C-alpha atoms as a PDB file:
ATOM      1  CA  MET A   1      13.214 -14.685  15.257  1.00  0.00           C
ATOM      2  CA  GLN A   2      14.784 -11.678  13.458  1.00  0.00           C
ATOM      3  CA  THR A   3      12.353  -8.821  13.188  1.00  0.00           C
ATOM      4  CA  ILE A   4      12.169  -5.948  10.717  1.00  0.00           C
ATOM      5  CA  PRO A   5      12.518  -2.600  12.601  1.00  0.00           C
ATOM      6  CA  ILE A   6      10.123  -0.714  10.296  1.00  0.00           C
ATOM      7  CA  ASN A   7       6.664   0.635  10.799  1.00  0.00           C
ATOM      8  CA  THR A   8       4.454   3.123   8.958  1.00  0.00           C
ATOM      9  CA  TYR A   9       4.245   5.616  11.831  1.00  0.00           C
ATOM     10  CA  ASN A  10       7.784   6.850  12.428  1.00  0.00           C
ATOM     11  CA  SER A  11      10.003   5.350   9.695  1.00  0.00           C
ATOM     12  CA  PRO A  12      11.635   7.865   7.364  1.00  0.00           C
ATOM     13  CA  THR A  13       9.621   8.609   4.229  1.00  0.00           C
ATOM     14  CA  VAL A  14      12.319   7.263   1.906  1.00  0.00           C
ATOM     15  CA  ILE A  15      11.920   3.828   3.570  1.00  0.00           C
ATOM     16  CA  LEU A  16       8.126   3.967   3.465  1.00  0.00           C
ATOM     17  CA  GLU A  17       8.213   4.714  -0.254  1.00  0.00           C
ATOM     18  CA  LEU A  18      10.428   1.693  -0.722  1.00  0.00           C
ATOM     19  CA  ILE A  19       8.290  -0.744   1.197  1.00  0.00           C
ATOM     20  CA  TYR A  20       5.155   0.331  -0.688  1.00  0.00           C
ATOM     21  CA  ARG A  21       6.879   0.488  -4.072  1.00  0.00           C
ATOM     22  CA  LEU A  22       8.720  -2.807  -3.916  1.00  0.00           C
ATOM     23  CA  LYS A  23       6.726  -6.004  -4.427  1.00  0.00           C
ATOM     24  CA  VAL A  24       7.181  -9.341  -2.794  1.00  0.00           C
ATOM     25  CA  LYS A  25       8.527 -10.765  -6.030  1.00  0.00           C
ATOM     26  CA  ASP A  26      11.347  -8.160  -5.848  1.00  0.00           C
ATOM     27  CA  VAL A  27      12.649  -9.487  -2.528  1.00  0.00           C
ATOM     28  CA  MET A  28      11.820 -13.167  -2.461  1.00  0.00           C
ATOM     29  CA  THR A  29      14.275 -16.072  -2.887  1.00  0.00           C
ATOM     30  CA  ARG A  30      13.502 -17.800  -6.170  1.00  0.00           C
ATOM     31  CA  SER A  31      15.984 -20.665  -5.975  1.00  0.00           C
ATOM     32  CA  LEU A  32      13.683 -23.014  -4.052  1.00  0.00           C
ATOM     33  CA  VAL A  33      14.623 -26.171  -2.178  1.00  0.00           C
ATOM     34  CA  SER A  34      11.491 -28.321  -2.086  1.00  0.00           C
ATOM     35  CA  VAL A  35      10.504 -31.956  -1.515  1.00  0.00           C
ATOM     36  CA  THR A  36       7.686 -34.268  -2.518  1.00  0.00           C
ATOM     37  CA  ARG A  37       5.034 -35.709  -0.279  1.00  0.00           C
ATOM     38  CA  GLU A  38       6.847 -39.107  -0.334  1.00  0.00           C
ATOM     39  CA  THR A  39      10.134 -37.712   1.002  1.00  0.00           C
ATOM     40  CA  THR A  40      10.987 -39.025   4.460  1.00  0.00           C
ATOM     41  CA  MET A  41      11.414 -36.824   7.523  1.00  0.00           C
ATOM     42  CA  ARG A  42      15.006 -38.124   7.743  1.00  0.00           C
ATOM     43  CA  GLU A  43      15.740 -36.960   4.197  1.00  0.00           C
ATOM     44  CA  VAL A  44      14.316 -33.542   4.916  1.00  0.00           C
ATOM     45  CA  ARG A  45      16.569 -33.327   7.991  1.00  0.00           C
ATOM     46  CA  ARG A  46      19.560 -34.032   5.808  1.00  0.00           C
ATOM     47  CA  ILE A  47      18.505 -31.369   3.272  1.00  0.00           C
ATOM     48  CA  MET A  48      18.032 -28.773   6.007  1.00  0.00           C
ATOM     49  CA  LYS A  49      21.459 -29.542   7.472  1.00  0.00           C
ATOM     50  CA  GLU A  50      23.274 -29.385   4.067  1.00  0.00           C
ATOM     51  CA  ARG A  51      21.504 -26.194   2.905  1.00  0.00           C
ATOM     52  CA  ALA A  52      21.484 -24.522   6.338  1.00  0.00           C
ATOM     53  CA  ILE A  53      17.760 -23.826   6.159  1.00  0.00           C
ATOM     54  CA  THR A  54      15.002 -24.278   8.771  1.00  0.00           C
ATOM     55  CA  GLY A  55      11.962 -25.005   6.578  1.00  0.00           C
ATOM     56  CA  VAL A  56      11.200 -26.890   3.333  1.00  0.00           C
ATOM     57  CA  PRO A  57       8.015 -26.596   1.214  1.00  0.00           C
ATOM     58  CA  VAL A  58       6.308 -29.767   0.097  1.00  0.00           C
ATOM     59  CA  VAL A  59       5.323 -29.458  -3.631  1.00  0.00           C
ATOM     60  CA  SER A  60       3.472 -31.426  -6.256  1.00  0.00           C
ATOM     61  CA  ALA A  61       3.216 -30.149  -9.827  1.00  0.00           C
ATOM     62  CA  LYS A  62       4.198 -26.588  -8.649  1.00  0.00           C
ATOM     63  CA  ARG A  63       1.355 -26.653  -6.122  1.00  0.00           C
ATOM     64  CA  LEU A  64       2.198 -26.022  -2.493  1.00  0.00           C
ATOM     65  CA  LEU A  65       0.925 -28.888  -0.269  1.00  0.00           C
ATOM     66  CA  GLY A  66       2.577 -27.953   3.013  1.00  0.00           C
ATOM     67  CA  ILE A  67       5.810 -27.075   4.864  1.00  0.00           C
ATOM     68  CA  VAL A  68       8.139 -29.040   7.035  1.00  0.00           C
ATOM     69  CA  SER A  69       9.813 -26.914   9.721  1.00  0.00           C
ATOM     70  CA  MET A  70      12.688 -27.616  12.072  1.00  0.00           C
ATOM     71  CA  ASP A  71      10.110 -27.998  14.889  1.00  0.00           C
ATOM     72  CA  ASP A  72       8.477 -30.805  12.862  1.00  0.00           C
ATOM     73  CA  ILE A  73      11.852 -32.542  12.486  1.00  0.00           C
ATOM     74  CA  ILE A  74      12.563 -32.236  16.259  1.00  0.00           C
ATOM     75  CA  GLN A  75       9.194 -33.725  17.017  1.00  0.00           C
ATOM     76  CA  ALA A  76       9.886 -36.583  14.615  1.00  0.00           C
ATOM     77  CA  LEU A  77      13.237 -37.253  16.369  1.00  0.00           C
ATOM     78  CA  ASP A  78      11.577 -37.250  19.781  1.00  0.00           C
ATOM     79  CA  ASP A  79       8.745 -39.556  18.807  1.00  0.00           C
ATOM     80  CA  GLY A  80      10.743 -41.863  16.485  1.00  0.00           C
ATOM     81  CA  TYR A  81       9.012 -41.483  13.125  1.00  0.00           C
ATOM     82  CA  MET A  82      11.928 -40.173  10.982  1.00  0.00           C
ATOM     83  CA  GLU A  83      11.217 -42.782   8.281  1.00  0.00           C
ATOM     84  CA  ASP A  84       7.653 -41.548   7.808  1.00  0.00           C
ATOM     85  CA  PRO A  85       6.789 -39.570   4.593  1.00  0.00           C
ATOM     86  CA  VAL A  86       6.469 -35.830   5.175  1.00  0.00           C
ATOM     87  CA  GLU A  87       2.853 -35.976   4.042  1.00  0.00           C
ATOM     88  CA  LYS A  88       1.897 -37.355   7.413  1.00  0.00           C
ATOM     89  CA  HIS A  89       3.481 -34.604   9.497  1.00  0.00           C
ATOM     90  CA  MET A  90       3.826 -31.443   7.383  1.00  0.00           C
ATOM     91  CA  SER A  91       2.019 -28.256   8.317  1.00  0.00           C
ATOM     92  CA  ARG A  92      -1.006 -27.862   6.047  1.00  0.00           C
ATOM     93  CA  ASN A  93      -2.644 -24.683   7.420  1.00  0.00           C
ATOM     94  CA  LEU A  94      -0.387 -22.206   5.637  1.00  0.00           C
ATOM     95  CA  ILE A  95      -0.200 -18.419   5.425  1.00  0.00           C
ATOM     96  CA  VAL A  96       1.001 -17.391   2.025  1.00  0.00           C
ATOM     97  CA  LEU A  97       1.885 -14.212   0.121  1.00  0.00           C
ATOM     98  CA  GLU A  98       1.165 -13.321  -3.494  1.00  0.00           C
ATOM     99  CA  ASP A  99       4.066 -12.163  -5.667  1.00  0.00           C
ATOM    100  CA  ASP A 100       2.313  -8.944  -6.640  1.00  0.00           C
ATOM    101  CA  MET A 101       1.722  -7.767  -3.065  1.00  0.00           C
ATOM    102  CA  PRO A 102       3.783  -4.826  -1.738  1.00  0.00           C
ATOM    103  CA  VAL A 103       6.578  -5.614   0.633  1.00  0.00           C
ATOM    104  CA  SER A 104       4.637  -3.797   3.348  1.00  0.00           C
ATOM    105  CA  PHE A 105       2.275  -6.789   3.449  1.00  0.00           C
ATOM    106  CA  ALA A 106       5.149  -9.178   4.049  1.00  0.00           C
ATOM    107  CA  ILE A 107       6.472  -7.050   6.868  1.00  0.00           C
ATOM    108  CA  SER A 108       3.043  -6.927   8.513  1.00  0.00           C
ATOM    109  CA  TYR A 109       2.731 -10.718   8.145  1.00  0.00           C
ATOM    110  CA  PHE A 110       6.054 -11.266   9.949  1.00  0.00           C
ATOM    111  CA  ASP A 111       4.841  -9.031  12.822  1.00  0.00           C
ATOM    112  CA  ARG A 112       1.432 -10.643  13.003  1.00  0.00           C
ATOM    113  CA  TYR A 113       2.209 -14.350  12.668  1.00  0.00           C
ATOM    114  CA  ARG A 114       5.811 -14.560  14.010  1.00  0.00           C
ATOM    115  CA  PHE A 115       6.802 -17.118  11.350  1.00  0.00           C
ATOM    116  CA  HIS A 116      10.378 -17.450   9.955  1.00  0.00           C
ATOM    117  CA  ARG A 117       9.291 -17.602   6.298  1.00  0.00           C
ATOM    118  CA  PHE A 118       6.259 -17.338   3.980  1.00  0.00           C
ATOM    119  CA  PRO A 119       5.686 -19.165   0.689  1.00  0.00           C
ATOM    120  CA  VAL A 120       5.018 -16.937  -2.346  1.00  0.00           C
ATOM    121  CA  LEU A 121       2.418 -17.905  -4.938  1.00  0.00           C
ATOM    122  CA  ASN A 122       1.799 -16.367  -8.426  1.00  0.00           C
ATOM    123  CA  LYS A 123      -1.622 -15.645  -9.916  1.00  0.00           C
ATOM    124  CA  GLU A 124      -1.905 -19.290 -10.985  1.00  0.00           C
ATOM    125  CA  LYS A 125      -1.471 -20.299  -7.347  1.00  0.00           C
ATOM    126  CA  GLU A 126       1.914 -21.931  -8.168  1.00  0.00           C
ATOM    127  CA  LEU A 127       4.754 -21.800  -5.646  1.00  0.00           C
ATOM    128  CA  ILE A 128       7.474 -19.504  -7.053  1.00  0.00           C
ATOM    129  CA  GLY A 129       9.463 -18.330  -4.017  1.00  0.00           C
ATOM    130  CA  ILE A 130      10.029 -17.945  -0.273  1.00  0.00           C
ATOM    131  CA  VAL A 131      10.383 -14.766   1.752  1.00  0.00           C
ATOM    132  CA  THR A 132      12.378 -14.413   4.941  1.00  0.00           C
ATOM    133  CA  THR A 133      13.099 -11.311   7.028  1.00  0.00           C
ATOM    134  CA  ARG A 134      16.680 -11.510   5.804  1.00  0.00           C
ATOM    135  CA  ASP A 135      15.485 -11.307   2.167  1.00  0.00           C
ATOM    136  CA  ILE A 136      13.557  -8.114   2.956  1.00  0.00           C
ATOM    137  CA  THR A 137      16.249  -6.315   5.002  1.00  0.00           C
ATOM    138  CA  THR A 138      18.986  -7.211   2.445  1.00  0.00           C
ATOM    139  CA  ARG A 139      17.003  -5.774  -0.458  1.00  0.00           C
ATOM    140  CA  LEU A 140      15.912  -2.690   1.537  1.00  0.00           C
ATOM    141  CA  LEU A 141      19.545  -1.918   2.455  1.00  0.00           C
ATOM    142  CA  TRP A 142      20.549  -2.228  -1.173  1.00  0.00           C
ATOM    143  CA  GLU A 143      17.675   0.024  -2.300  1.00  0.00           C
ATOM    144  CA  ILE A 144      18.313   2.622   0.476  1.00  0.00           C
ATOM    145  CA  ASN A 145      21.957   2.910  -0.611  1.00  0.00           C
ATOM    146  CA  HIS A 146      20.833   3.678  -4.168  1.00  0.00           C
ATOM    147  CA  GLU A 147      18.201   6.174  -2.901  1.00  0.00           C
ATOM    148  CA  ILE A 148      20.897   8.036  -0.910  1.00  0.00           C
ATOM    149  CA  GLU A 149      23.146   8.142  -3.980  1.00  0.00           C
ATOM    150  CA  ASP A 150      20.263   9.604  -6.028  1.00  0.00           C
ATOM    151  CA  ILE A 151      19.439  12.195  -3.342  1.00  0.00           C
ATOM    152  CA  GLU A 152      23.045  13.276  -3.129  1.00  0.00           C
ATOM    153  CA  ARG A 153      23.331  13.421  -6.866  1.00  0.00           C
ATOM    154  CA  GLN A 154      20.183  15.384  -7.439  1.00  0.00           C
ATOM    155  CA  GLY A 155      20.611  17.612  -4.428  1.00  0.00           C
ATOM    156  CA  TYR A 156      17.172  17.454  -2.944  1.00  0.00           C
ATOM    157  CA  SER A 157      15.304  15.606  -0.201  1.00  0.00           C
ATOM    158  CA  ARG A 158      12.464  13.187  -0.984  1.00  0.00           C
ATOM    159  CA  GLN A 159      10.881  13.457   2.445  1.00  0.00           C
ATOM    160  CA  MET A 160       7.126  13.809   2.661  1.00  0.00           C
ATOM    161  CA  ARG A 161       6.064  17.410   2.003  1.00  0.00           C
ATOM    162  CA  GLU A 162       3.209  19.186   3.677  1.00  0.00           C
ATOM    163  CA  GLU A 163       2.897  22.863   2.841  1.00  0.00           C
ATOM    164  CA  ILE A 164       0.094  24.580   4.772  1.00  0.00           C
ATOM    165  CA  GLY A 165      -0.484  28.294   4.189  1.00  0.00           C
ATOM    166  CA  SER A 166      -3.485  30.559   4.306  1.00  0.00           C
ATOM    167  CA  GLU A 167      -4.600  29.503   0.835  1.00  0.00           C
ATOM    168  CA  ILE A 168      -3.130  26.100  -0.076  1.00  0.00           C
ATOM    169  CA  GLN A 169      -2.532  22.654   1.523  1.00  0.00           C
ATOM    170  CA  THR A 170      -0.422  20.017  -0.259  1.00  0.00           C
ATOM    171  CA  PHE A 171      -0.080  16.362   0.797  1.00  0.00           C
ATOM    172  CA  ALA A 172       2.299  13.751  -0.571  1.00  0.00           C
ATOM    173  CA  ILE A 173       0.556  10.401  -1.242  1.00  0.00           C
ATOM    174  CA  VAL A 174       2.485   7.149  -1.171  1.00  0.00           C
ATOM    175  CA  LYS A 175       1.548   4.093  -3.320  1.00  0.00           C
ATOM    176  CA  HIS A 176      -0.229   1.307  -1.407  1.00  0.00           C
ATOM    177  CA  ASP A 177       0.035   3.263   1.933  1.00  0.00           C
ATOM    178  CA  PHE A 178      -3.346   2.045   3.118  1.00  0.00           C
ATOM    179  CA  GLU A 179      -2.613   2.768   6.784  1.00  0.00           C
ATOM    180  CA  ASN A 180      -2.256   6.486   6.142  1.00  0.00           C
ATOM    181  CA  ALA A 181      -4.737   6.749   3.342  1.00  0.00           C
ATOM    182  CA  GLY A 182      -7.433   9.296   4.128  1.00  0.00           C
ATOM    183  CA  TYR A 183      -5.118  11.713   5.998  1.00  0.00           C
ATOM    184  CA  ALA A 184      -5.341  14.406   3.291  1.00  0.00           C
ATOM    185  CA  SER A 185      -9.106  14.132   3.157  1.00  0.00           C
ATOM    186  CA  THR A 186      -9.350  14.485   6.940  1.00  0.00           C
ATOM    187  CA  GLU A 187      -7.132  17.596   6.972  1.00  0.00           C
ATOM    188  CA  ILE A 188      -9.098  19.205   4.183  1.00  0.00           C
ATOM    189  CA  LYS A 189     -12.315  18.519   6.075  1.00  0.00           C
ATOM    190  CA  LYS A 190     -10.790  20.087   9.243  1.00  0.00           C
ATOM    191  CA  ARG A 191      -9.758  23.160   7.301  1.00  0.00           C
ATOM    192  CA  LEU A 192     -13.270  23.684   5.904  1.00  0.00           C
ATOM    193  CA  LYS A 193     -14.827  23.202   9.332  1.00  0.00           C
ATOM    194  CA  GLN A 194     -12.526  25.842  10.741  1.00  0.00           C
ATOM    195  CA  GLY A 195     -13.556  28.212   7.953  1.00  0.00           C
ATOM    196  CA  MET A 196     -17.266  27.569   8.869  1.00  0.00           C
ATOM    197  CA  ALA A 197     -18.189  25.956   5.563  1.00  0.00           C
ATOM    198  CA  PHE A 198     -21.613  24.290   5.554  1.00  0.00           C
ATOM    199  CA  PRO A 199     -21.818  20.538   6.287  1.00  0.00           C
ATOM    200  CA  LYS A 200     -23.001  19.739   2.718  1.00  0.00           C
ATOM    201  CA  THR A 201     -19.975  21.470   1.224  1.00  0.00           C
ATOM    202  CA  ILE A 202     -17.630  19.741   3.711  1.00  0.00           C
ATOM    203  CA  ARG A 203     -19.113  16.380   2.838  1.00  0.00           C
ATOM    204  CA  ARG A 204     -18.716  16.968  -0.925  1.00  0.00           C
ATOM    205  CA  ALA A 205     -15.096  18.062  -0.498  1.00  0.00           C
ATOM    206  CA  ALA A 206     -14.364  15.083   1.808  1.00  0.00           C
ATOM    207  CA  ILE A 207     -15.794  12.650  -0.783  1.00  0.00           C
ATOM    208  CA  ALA A 208     -13.807  14.224  -3.658  1.00  0.00           C
ATOM    209  CA  SER A 209     -10.514  14.366  -1.743  1.00  0.00           C
ATOM    210  CA  TYR A 210     -10.856  10.843  -0.251  1.00  0.00           C
ATOM    211  CA  GLU A 211     -11.698   9.206  -3.628  1.00  0.00           C
ATOM    212  CA  LEU A 212      -8.872  11.038  -5.370  1.00  0.00           C
ATOM    213  CA  GLU A 213      -6.446  10.094  -2.582  1.00  0.00           C
ATOM    214  CA  MET A 214      -7.398   6.454  -2.711  1.00  0.00           C
ATOM    215  CA  ASN A 215      -7.024   6.384  -6.464  1.00  0.00           C
ATOM    216  CA  ILE A 216      -3.409   7.382  -6.102  1.00  0.00           C
ATOM    217  CA  VAL A 217      -2.825   4.894  -3.283  1.00  0.00           C
ATOM    218  CA  VAL A 218      -4.420   2.019  -5.218  1.00  0.00           C
ATOM    219  CA  HIS A 219      -3.581   2.635  -8.862  1.00  0.00           C
ATOM    220  CA  ALA A 220      -0.648   5.067  -9.224  1.00  0.00           C
ATOM    221  CA  GLU A 221       3.058   5.215  -8.423  1.00  0.00           C
ATOM    222  CA  GLY A 222       2.462   7.970  -5.851  1.00  0.00           C
ATOM    223  CA  GLY A 223       1.569  11.600  -6.214  1.00  0.00           C
ATOM    224  CA  GLU A 224       0.054  14.519  -4.338  1.00  0.00           C
ATOM    225  CA  ILE A 225      -3.258  16.101  -3.322  1.00  0.00           C
ATOM    226  CA  THR A 226      -3.541  19.860  -3.249  1.00  0.00           C
ATOM    227  CA  ALA A 227      -6.454  21.868  -1.759  1.00  0.00           C
ATOM    228  CA  GLN A 228      -6.796  25.506  -2.785  1.00  0.00           C
ATOM    229  CA  TYR A 229      -9.132  27.618  -0.674  1.00  0.00           C
ATOM    230  CA  GLU A 230     -10.628  30.771  -2.176  1.00  0.00           C
ATOM    231  CA  ASP A 231     -13.421  33.125  -0.987  1.00  0.00           C
ATOM    232  CA  ASP A 232     -15.988  31.433  -3.220  1.00  0.00           C
ATOM    233  CA  SER A 233     -14.755  27.884  -3.489  1.00  0.00           C
ATOM    234  CA  VAL A 234     -12.385  24.999  -2.651  1.00  0.00           C
ATOM    235  CA  THR A 235     -10.519  23.312  -5.433  1.00  0.00           C
ATOM    236  CA  ILE A 236      -8.939  19.888  -4.996  1.00  0.00           C
ATOM    237  CA  PHE A 237      -6.244  18.804  -7.389  1.00  0.00           C
ATOM    238  CA  ALA A 238      -4.854  15.252  -7.592  1.00  0.00           C
ATOM    239  CA  LYS A 239      -1.689  14.641  -9.582  1.00  0.00           C
ATOM    240  CA  ASP A 240       0.088  11.288  -9.776  1.00  0.00           C
ATOM    241  CA  ARG A 241       3.211   9.851 -11.371  1.00  0.00           C
ATOM    242  CA  GLY A 242       1.629   7.307 -13.674  1.00  0.00           C
ATOM    243  CA  PRO A 243       1.078   4.811 -15.225  1.00  0.00           C
ATOM    244  CA  GLY A 244      -1.816   6.857 -16.526  1.00  0.00           C
ATOM    245  CA  ILE A 245      -5.384   5.828 -17.570  1.00  0.00           C
ATOM    246  CA  SER A 246      -5.619   4.097 -20.920  1.00  0.00           C
ATOM    247  CA  ASP A 247      -9.346   4.919 -21.399  1.00  0.00           C
ATOM    248  CA  VAL A 248     -10.522   7.970 -19.406  1.00  0.00           C
ATOM    249  CA  ASP A 249     -14.116   7.676 -20.624  1.00  0.00           C
ATOM    250  CA  LYS A 250     -14.268   4.060 -19.416  1.00  0.00           C
ATOM    251  CA  ALA A 251     -12.752   5.042 -16.055  1.00  0.00           C
ATOM    252  CA  LEU A 252     -15.599   7.520 -15.549  1.00  0.00           C
ATOM    253  CA  GLU A 253     -18.129   4.743 -15.806  1.00  0.00           C
ATOM    254  CA  ALA A 254     -19.520   3.447 -12.499  1.00  0.00           C
ATOM    255  CA  GLY A 255     -18.177  -0.011 -11.638  1.00  0.00           C
ATOM    256  CA  TYR A 256     -15.211   0.001 -14.004  1.00  0.00           C
ATOM    257  CA  SER A 257     -11.911  -0.848 -12.293  1.00  0.00           C
ATOM    258  CA  THR A 258      -8.455  -2.110 -13.082  1.00  0.00           C
ATOM    259  CA  ALA A 259      -7.640  -3.108  -9.482  1.00  0.00           C
ATOM    260  CA  ASN A 260      -6.087  -6.525  -9.074  1.00  0.00           C
ATOM    261  CA  GLU A 261      -7.405  -9.378  -6.958  1.00  0.00           C
ATOM    262  CA  TRP A 262      -5.671  -8.662  -3.708  1.00  0.00           C
ATOM    263  CA  ILE A 263      -6.586  -4.985  -3.858  1.00  0.00           C
ATOM    264  CA  ARG A 264     -10.190  -6.034  -4.214  1.00  0.00           C
ATOM    265  CA  SER A 265      -9.813  -8.442  -1.326  1.00  0.00           C
ATOM    266  CA  LEU A 266      -8.907  -5.429   0.849  1.00  0.00           C
ATOM    267  CA  GLY A 267     -12.261  -3.746  -0.030  1.00  0.00           C
ATOM    268  CA  PHE A 268     -10.849  -1.250  -2.583  1.00  0.00           C
ATOM    269  CA  GLY A 269     -11.145  -0.975  -6.330  1.00  0.00           C
ATOM    270  CA  ALA A 270     -14.938  -1.008  -6.734  1.00  0.00           C
ATOM    271  CA  GLY A 271     -14.703   1.379  -9.669  1.00  0.00           C
ATOM    272  CA  MET A 272     -16.702   4.234  -8.110  1.00  0.00           C
ATOM    273  CA  GLY A 273     -13.809   6.635  -7.333  1.00  0.00           C
ATOM    274  CA  LEU A 274     -13.829   8.993 -10.340  1.00  0.00           C
ATOM    275  CA  PRO A 275     -17.601   8.807 -10.859  1.00  0.00           C
ATOM    276  CA  ASN A 276     -18.088   9.810  -7.202  1.00  0.00           C
ATOM    277  CA  VAL A 277     -15.668  12.700  -7.545  1.00  0.00           C
ATOM    278  CA  LYS A 278     -17.402  13.974 -10.684  1.00  0.00           C
ATOM    279  CA  SER A 279     -20.872  13.723  -9.070  1.00  0.00           C
ATOM    280  CA  VAL A 280     -19.954  15.943  -6.140  1.00  0.00           C
ATOM    281  CA  SER A 281     -17.978  18.539  -8.183  1.00  0.00           C
ATOM    282  CA  ASP A 282     -19.325  21.788  -9.635  1.00  0.00           C
ATOM    283  CA  GLU A 283     -16.401  21.743 -12.084  1.00  0.00           C
ATOM    284  CA  PHE A 284     -14.524  18.569 -12.950  1.00  0.00           C
ATOM    285  CA  SER A 285     -11.710  17.861 -15.376  1.00  0.00           C
ATOM    286  CA  ILE A 286      -9.206  15.051 -15.965  1.00  0.00           C
ATOM    287  CA  THR A 287      -6.195  14.580 -18.167  1.00  0.00           C
ATOM    288  CA  SER A 288      -4.043  11.494 -18.359  1.00  0.00           C
ATOM    289  CA  ASP A 289      -1.053  10.023 -20.256  1.00  0.00           C
ATOM    290  CA  ALA A 290       1.782   7.584 -19.495  1.00  0.00           C
ATOM    291  CA  ASN A 291       3.468  10.119 -17.279  1.00  0.00           C
ATOM    292  CA  GLY A 292       0.493  10.484 -14.895  1.00  0.00           C
ATOM    293  CA  THR A 293      -3.023  11.672 -14.337  1.00  0.00           C
ATOM    294  CA  THR A 294      -4.266  15.135 -13.170  1.00  0.00           C
ATOM    295  CA  VAL A 295      -7.805  15.586 -11.788  1.00  0.00           C
ATOM    296  CA  LYS A 296      -9.395  18.834 -10.799  1.00  0.00           C
ATOM    297  CA  SER A 297     -12.570  19.020  -8.621  1.00  0.00           C
ATOM    298  CA  LYS A 298     -13.953  22.468  -7.798  1.00  0.00           C
ATOM    299  CA  ILE A 299     -16.760  22.988  -5.310  1.00  0.00           C
ATOM    300  CA  TYR A 300     -18.422  26.395  -4.976  1.00  0.00           C
ATOM    301  CA  PHE A 301     -19.764  27.876  -1.696  1.00  0.00           C
ATOM    302  CA  THR A 302     -23.383  29.086  -1.762  1.00  0.00           C
ATOM    303  CA  ASP A 303     -24.053  32.833  -1.393  1.00  0.00           C
ATOM    304  CA  GLN A 304     -25.516  32.186   2.097  1.00  0.00           C
ATOM    305  CA  GLU A 305     -22.438  30.110   2.946  1.00  0.00           C
ATOM    306  CA  LYS A 306     -20.021  32.817   1.804  1.00  0.00           C
ATOM    307  CA  GLN A 307     -21.786  35.450   3.851  1.00  0.00           C
ATOM    308  CA  HIS A 308     -21.762  33.157   6.904  1.00  0.00           C
ATOM    309  CA  MET A 309     -18.019  32.495   6.512  1.00  0.00           C
ATOM    310  CA  LYS A 310     -17.310  36.185   6.018  1.00  0.00           C
ATOM    311  CA  ASN A 311     -19.286  37.154   9.128  1.00  0.00           C
ATOM    312  CA  THR A 312     -17.558  34.493  11.236  1.00  0.00           C
ATOM    313  CA  ALA A 313     -14.124  35.622  10.093  1.00  0.00           C
ATOM    314  CA  LYS A 314     -14.973  39.266  10.834  1.00  0.00           C
ATOM    315  CA  ALA A 315     -16.288  38.365  14.306  1.00  0.00           C
ATOM    316  CA  SER A 316     -13.039  36.402  15.007  1.00  0.00           C
ATOM    317  CA  GLU A 317     -10.909  39.399  13.969  1.00  0.00           C
ATOM    318  CA  GLU A 318     -12.890  41.758  16.255  1.00  0.00           C
ATOM    319  CA  HIS A 319     -12.634  39.301  19.089  1.00  0.00           C
ATOM    320  CA  ALA A 320      -8.892  39.007  18.640  1.00  0.00           C
ATOM    321  CA  ARG A 321      -8.510  42.793  19.051  1.00  0.00           C
END
């Protein structure tokens, strides 16, 4: 079986952004060849040969009942039941994709299950397409060519940016990149530990940064998290590229969420993100329009904490001499 040579650990950022931005419906084949439950195995064999395909979905009133694969046809030839209806021998235990899932899910499914194709269902559970590895690689190649043209035309690189200085850390956040989600929060926590911030402050900053990071991953078209470290505080900024929040007051209510069904099935979208950020912040602000959302969470160090951090920094400088 053809595999897709892409993973979320060492693939270029431009490709990662594509596989999280594109949805299954963007790459799937819509012109379906299907059969009914009464179709014979012999007829399916003829269809496969004429269409040069290796699997055919069995459908009734747009509902997927099963799939007949080339292996099923070979078994029918060996055992002599080519005149049987497909209903008797089709595969019923199916793994399916939803049309609104990111392409990254389809790639992970091909790696996990080693199938040649996956049926695609819409929200009404109707069969609307089929995805193969060839569908994905063809669309990715087309998109990459356009991305390269844009990069050359605009004269800048879209690679992930991480700027770490003595005062500021900035992290690029990719839409639906659940595997790397939490990285910014972890790095901010490390930085505060190195600066000898108290555990309570570190926990508050970790909650704020993680919730803001996940909001971008789940709801936005990508963005960035910035942590600004000062003598008396740490400020975490989250800025995304849209689509914006239609009702900010509603979004600050505990339990309110616009996450879709498959996001919720992953354990995200409980509607506690922004309320949690606000609750751990000493200063909190949010602005949003169609171009994106900007959130600011500021956490002050206590007087005792500031003195402890100052003494630790002074001792480190003296030790270095």
